[in-house]
Amino acid sequence: MFQSLQILANYRNGSTGQLSALTVFMLVGGSVARVFTSLQETGDSLLVITYVVAATLNTTVAAQLIYYKDVPAKAAATKEAQGKEKVKKN
């Protein structure tokens, strides 16, 4: 759930800001490992689906890190501030 909020915030800002790449990629690895261990150990489809969704969301954040890697956080913040300024003028 929280990852979907992070994905939306990254999209709106056009940047991942100060998000830690190491942490995100470790989350991806951990959630993918959870999928495979859940398949091997439990076979519980609901548990596996839950981890697949988590892995998908974590992978989306990782993809955003790669996509927005050249966008500095300051430029994105300036862009967001300009957007708010336009809304106030209208």
N, C-alpha and C. Protein backbone atom coordinates (compact mmCIF):
# COMPACT_ATOMS: atom_id res chain seq x y z
N MET A 1 0.83 -1.20 0.00
CA MET A 1 0.00 0.00 0.00
C MET A 1 0.87 1.26 0.00
N PHE A 2 1.87 1.28 0.89
CA PHE A 2 2.70 2.47 0.98
C PHE A 2 3.56 2.66 -0.26
N GLN A 3 3.94 1.56 -0.89
CA GLN A 3 4.75 1.68 -2.11
C GLN A 3 3.94 2.35 -3.21
N SER A 4 2.65 2.07 -3.28
CA SER A 4 1.84 2.72 -4.31
C SER A 4 1.79 4.23 -4.08
N LEU A 5 1.79 4.66 -2.82
CA LEU A 5 1.83 6.09 -2.53
C LEU A 5 3.18 6.68 -2.95
N GLN A 6 4.27 5.94 -2.72
CA GLN A 6 5.59 6.39 -3.13
C GLN A 6 5.68 6.48 -4.64
N ILE A 7 5.11 5.52 -5.34
CA ILE A 7 5.11 5.52 -6.80
C ILE A 7 4.39 6.75 -7.32
N LEU A 8 3.25 7.05 -6.74
CA LEU A 8 2.47 8.21 -7.16
C LEU A 8 3.22 9.51 -6.87
N ALA A 9 3.83 9.60 -5.70
CA ALA A 9 4.60 10.81 -5.35
C ALA A 9 5.77 11.00 -6.30
N ASN A 10 6.47 9.91 -6.63
CA ASN A 10 7.59 10.01 -7.57
C ASN A 10 7.11 10.48 -8.94
N TYR A 11 5.99 9.96 -9.37
CA TYR A 11 5.44 10.34 -10.68
C TYR A 11 5.06 11.82 -10.69
N ARG A 12 4.38 12.26 -9.66
CA ARG A 12 3.95 13.66 -9.60
C ARG A 12 5.13 14.63 -9.51
N ASN A 13 6.17 14.23 -8.78
CA ASN A 13 7.35 15.08 -8.62
C ASN A 13 8.28 15.02 -9.83
N GLY A 14 8.16 13.98 -10.61
CA GLY A 14 9.07 13.80 -11.74
C GLY A 14 10.48 13.49 -11.28
N SER A 15 10.58 12.96 -10.06
CA SER A 15 11.88 12.64 -9.47
C SER A 15 11.65 11.69 -8.30
N THR A 16 12.70 10.96 -7.96
CA THR A 16 12.62 10.11 -6.77
C THR A 16 13.21 10.80 -5.55
N GLY A 17 13.66 12.04 -5.72
CA GLY A 17 14.17 12.81 -4.60
C GLY A 17 15.38 12.16 -3.98
N GLN A 18 15.37 11.99 -2.67
CA GLN A 18 16.51 11.44 -1.95
C GLN A 18 16.29 9.97 -1.60
N LEU A 19 15.47 9.30 -2.35
CA LEU A 19 15.18 7.89 -2.10
C LEU A 19 16.45 7.07 -2.26
N SER A 20 16.72 6.18 -1.33
CA SER A 20 17.94 5.38 -1.32
C SER A 20 17.83 4.23 -2.32
N ALA A 21 18.70 4.25 -3.31
CA ALA A 21 18.70 3.19 -4.33
C ALA A 21 19.05 1.84 -3.69
N LEU A 22 20.01 1.83 -2.78
CA LEU A 22 20.41 0.58 -2.14
C LEU A 22 19.23 -0.06 -1.41
N THR A 23 18.50 0.75 -0.66
CA THR A 23 17.35 0.23 0.08
C THR A 23 16.29 -0.31 -0.86
N VAL A 24 16.00 0.43 -1.93
CA VAL A 24 14.96 0.00 -2.87
C VAL A 24 15.35 -1.32 -3.53
N PHE A 25 16.59 -1.44 -3.96
CA PHE A 25 17.00 -2.68 -4.63
C PHE A 25 17.06 -3.85 -3.66
N MET A 26 17.37 -3.59 -2.39
CA MET A 26 17.33 -4.66 -1.39
C MET A 26 15.87 -5.08 -1.13
N LEU A 27 14.95 -4.14 -1.14
CA LEU A 27 13.53 -4.47 -1.00
C LEU A 27 13.05 -5.34 -2.15
N VAL A 28 13.49 -5.00 -3.37
CA VAL A 28 13.11 -5.81 -4.54
C VAL A 28 13.64 -7.23 -4.37
N GLY A 29 14.92 -7.34 -4.03
CA GLY A 29 15.51 -8.67 -3.85
C GLY A 29 14.81 -9.48 -2.77
N GLY A 30 14.52 -8.83 -1.66
CA GLY A 30 13.85 -9.51 -0.55
C GLY A 30 12.45 -9.96 -0.90
N SER A 31 11.72 -9.10 -1.61
CA SER A 31 10.34 -9.48 -1.94
C SER A 31 10.29 -10.58 -3.01
N VAL A 32 11.25 -10.55 -3.94
CA VAL A 32 11.31 -11.63 -4.94
C VAL A 32 11.70 -12.94 -4.26
N ALA A 33 12.62 -12.88 -3.32
CA ALA A 33 13.01 -14.08 -2.58
C ALA A 33 11.83 -14.63 -1.78
N ARG A 34 11.03 -13.73 -1.23
CA ARG A 34 9.84 -14.16 -0.48
C ARG A 34 8.86 -14.91 -1.37
N VAL A 35 8.71 -14.46 -2.61
CA VAL A 35 7.81 -15.15 -3.55
C VAL A 35 8.27 -16.59 -3.73
N PHE A 36 9.56 -16.76 -4.02
CA PHE A 36 10.06 -18.10 -4.29
C PHE A 36 10.06 -19.00 -3.06
N THR A 37 10.42 -18.45 -1.90
CA THR A 37 10.40 -19.29 -0.70
C THR A 37 8.97 -19.64 -0.29
N SER A 38 8.03 -18.73 -0.52
CA SER A 38 6.63 -19.03 -0.20
C SER A 38 6.09 -20.12 -1.12
N LEU A 39 6.50 -20.08 -2.39
CA LEU A 39 6.08 -21.12 -3.33
C LEU A 39 6.64 -22.48 -2.89
N GLN A 40 7.90 -22.50 -2.49
CA GLN A 40 8.55 -23.76 -2.10
C GLN A 40 8.06 -24.28 -0.76
N GLU A 41 7.92 -23.42 0.21
CA GLU A 41 7.64 -23.86 1.57
C GLU A 41 6.16 -24.02 1.89
N THR A 42 5.34 -23.09 1.42
CA THR A 42 3.93 -23.13 1.84
C THR A 42 2.98 -23.53 0.71
N GLY A 43 3.20 -22.99 -0.47
CA GLY A 43 2.27 -23.25 -1.56
C GLY A 43 0.94 -22.52 -1.38
N ASP A 44 0.84 -21.68 -0.38
CA ASP A 44 -0.38 -20.91 -0.11
C ASP A 44 -0.52 -19.82 -1.16
N SER A 45 -1.53 -19.92 -2.00
CA SER A 45 -1.67 -19.00 -3.13
C SER A 45 -1.92 -17.56 -2.68
N LEU A 46 -2.66 -17.37 -1.61
CA LEU A 46 -2.93 -16.01 -1.13
C LEU A 46 -1.64 -15.34 -0.65
N LEU A 47 -0.83 -16.08 0.04
CA LEU A 47 0.45 -15.56 0.52
C LEU A 47 1.37 -15.23 -0.66
N VAL A 48 1.40 -16.11 -1.64
CA VAL A 48 2.24 -15.89 -2.82
C VAL A 48 1.76 -14.66 -3.58
N ILE A 49 0.45 -14.52 -3.75
CA ILE A 49 -0.10 -13.35 -4.46
C ILE A 49 0.27 -12.06 -3.73
N THR A 50 0.19 -12.08 -2.41
CA THR A 50 0.55 -10.90 -1.62
C THR A 50 2.00 -10.51 -1.87
N TYR A 51 2.90 -11.48 -1.89
CA TYR A 51 4.31 -11.19 -2.13
C TYR A 51 4.58 -10.80 -3.58
N VAL A 52 3.81 -11.34 -4.50
CA VAL A 52 3.96 -10.94 -5.91
C VAL A 52 3.57 -9.48 -6.08
N VAL A 53 2.50 -9.06 -5.43
CA VAL A 53 2.08 -7.65 -5.49
C VAL A 53 3.16 -6.76 -4.88
N ALA A 54 3.70 -7.16 -3.74
CA ALA A 54 4.76 -6.39 -3.10
C ALA A 54 5.99 -6.31 -3.99
N ALA A 55 6.36 -7.41 -4.61
CA ALA A 55 7.52 -7.43 -5.51
C ALA A 55 7.28 -6.54 -6.72
N THR A 56 6.07 -6.55 -7.24
CA THR A 56 5.72 -5.70 -8.39
C THR A 56 5.83 -4.22 -8.02
N LEU A 57 5.30 -3.85 -6.88
CA LEU A 57 5.37 -2.45 -6.46
C LEU A 57 6.80 -2.02 -6.18
N ASN A 58 7.58 -2.88 -5.53
CA ASN A 58 8.98 -2.56 -5.27
C ASN A 58 9.77 -2.44 -6.57
N THR A 59 9.47 -3.29 -7.53
CA THR A 59 10.13 -3.23 -8.83
C THR A 59 9.75 -1.94 -9.56
N THR A 60 8.53 -1.49 -9.41
CA THR A 60 8.10 -0.24 -10.03
C THR A 60 8.88 0.95 -9.46
N VAL A 61 9.07 0.97 -8.15
CA VAL A 61 9.86 2.04 -7.53
C VAL A 61 11.31 1.97 -8.03
N ALA A 62 11.85 0.76 -8.15
CA ALA A 62 13.21 0.60 -8.66
C ALA A 62 13.31 1.09 -10.10
N ALA A 63 12.30 0.80 -10.90
CA ALA A 63 12.28 1.28 -12.29
C ALA A 63 12.22 2.81 -12.33
N GLN A 64 11.47 3.40 -11.41
CA GLN A 64 11.43 4.86 -11.35
C GLN A 64 12.79 5.43 -10.96
N LEU A 65 13.49 4.77 -10.07
CA LEU A 65 14.84 5.22 -9.70
C LEU A 65 15.74 5.25 -10.94
N ILE A 66 15.64 4.23 -11.76
CA ILE A 66 16.45 4.17 -12.97
C ILE A 66 15.99 5.22 -13.97
N TYR A 67 14.69 5.36 -14.14
CA TYR A 67 14.14 6.31 -15.11
C TYR A 67 14.47 7.75 -14.75
N TYR A 68 14.35 8.08 -13.47
CA TYR A 68 14.56 9.45 -13.01
C TYR A 68 15.98 9.70 -12.50
N LYS A 69 16.93 8.83 -12.79
CA LYS A 69 18.27 8.94 -12.20
C LYS A 69 18.98 10.23 -12.55
N ASP A 70 18.70 10.83 -13.70
CA ASP A 70 19.38 12.05 -14.12
C ASP A 70 18.65 13.32 -13.71
N VAL A 71 17.51 13.18 -13.05
CA VAL A 71 16.73 14.35 -12.62
C VAL A 71 17.12 14.70 -11.20
N PRO A 72 17.75 15.84 -10.99
CA PRO A 72 18.10 16.21 -9.62
C PRO A 72 16.86 16.54 -8.80
N ALA A 73 16.90 16.27 -7.53
CA ALA A 73 15.76 16.50 -6.65
C ALA A 73 15.38 17.97 -6.61
N LYS A 74 16.37 18.87 -6.67
CA LYS A 74 16.10 20.30 -6.62
C LYS A 74 15.27 20.76 -7.82
N ALA A 75 15.62 20.27 -9.01
CA ALA A 75 14.89 20.66 -10.22
C ALA A 75 13.45 20.18 -10.15
N ALA A 76 13.24 19.01 -9.61
CA ALA A 76 11.88 18.49 -9.48
C ALA A 76 11.09 19.32 -8.47
N ALA A 77 11.72 19.73 -7.38
CA ALA A 77 11.04 20.55 -6.38
C ALA A 77 10.68 21.91 -6.96
N THR A 78 11.57 22.48 -7.77
CA THR A 78 11.29 23.76 -8.43
C THR A 78 10.12 23.62 -9.38
N LYS A 79 10.10 22.52 -10.12
CA LYS A 79 9.01 22.26 -11.05
C LYS A 79 7.68 22.15 -10.31
N GLU A 80 7.69 21.47 -9.18
CA GLU A 80 6.47 21.32 -8.39
C GLU A 80 6.01 22.67 -7.86
N ALA A 81 6.94 23.50 -7.39
CA ALA A 81 6.60 24.82 -6.86
C ALA A 81 6.01 25.70 -7.96
N GLN A 82 6.55 25.60 -9.17
CA GLN A 82 6.00 26.38 -10.28
C GLN A 82 4.59 25.94 -10.62
N GLY A 83 4.33 24.63 -10.52
CA GLY A 83 2.99 24.13 -10.78
C GLY A 83 1.99 24.65 -9.76
N LYS A 84 2.39 24.72 -8.50
CA LYS A 84 1.51 25.24 -7.45
C LYS A 84 1.27 26.72 -7.65
N GLU A 85 2.28 27.43 -8.13
CA GLU A 85 2.16 28.87 -8.37
C GLU A 85 1.13 29.13 -9.47
N LYS A 86 1.15 28.33 -10.51
CA LYS A 86 0.20 28.48 -11.61
C LYS A 86 -1.22 28.25 -11.14
N VAL A 87 -1.40 27.27 -10.25
CA VAL A 87 -2.73 26.98 -9.72
C VAL A 87 -3.24 28.15 -8.91
N LYS A 88 -2.39 28.79 -8.12
CA LYS A 88 -2.79 29.93 -7.31
C LYS A 88 -3.20 31.12 -8.17
N LYS A 89 -2.50 31.31 -9.30
CA LYS A 89 -2.81 32.45 -10.18
C LYS A 89 -4.16 32.28 -10.86
N ASN A 90 -4.52 31.04 -11.14
CA ASN A 90 -5.80 30.80 -11.84
C ASN A 90 -6.89 30.88 -10.85
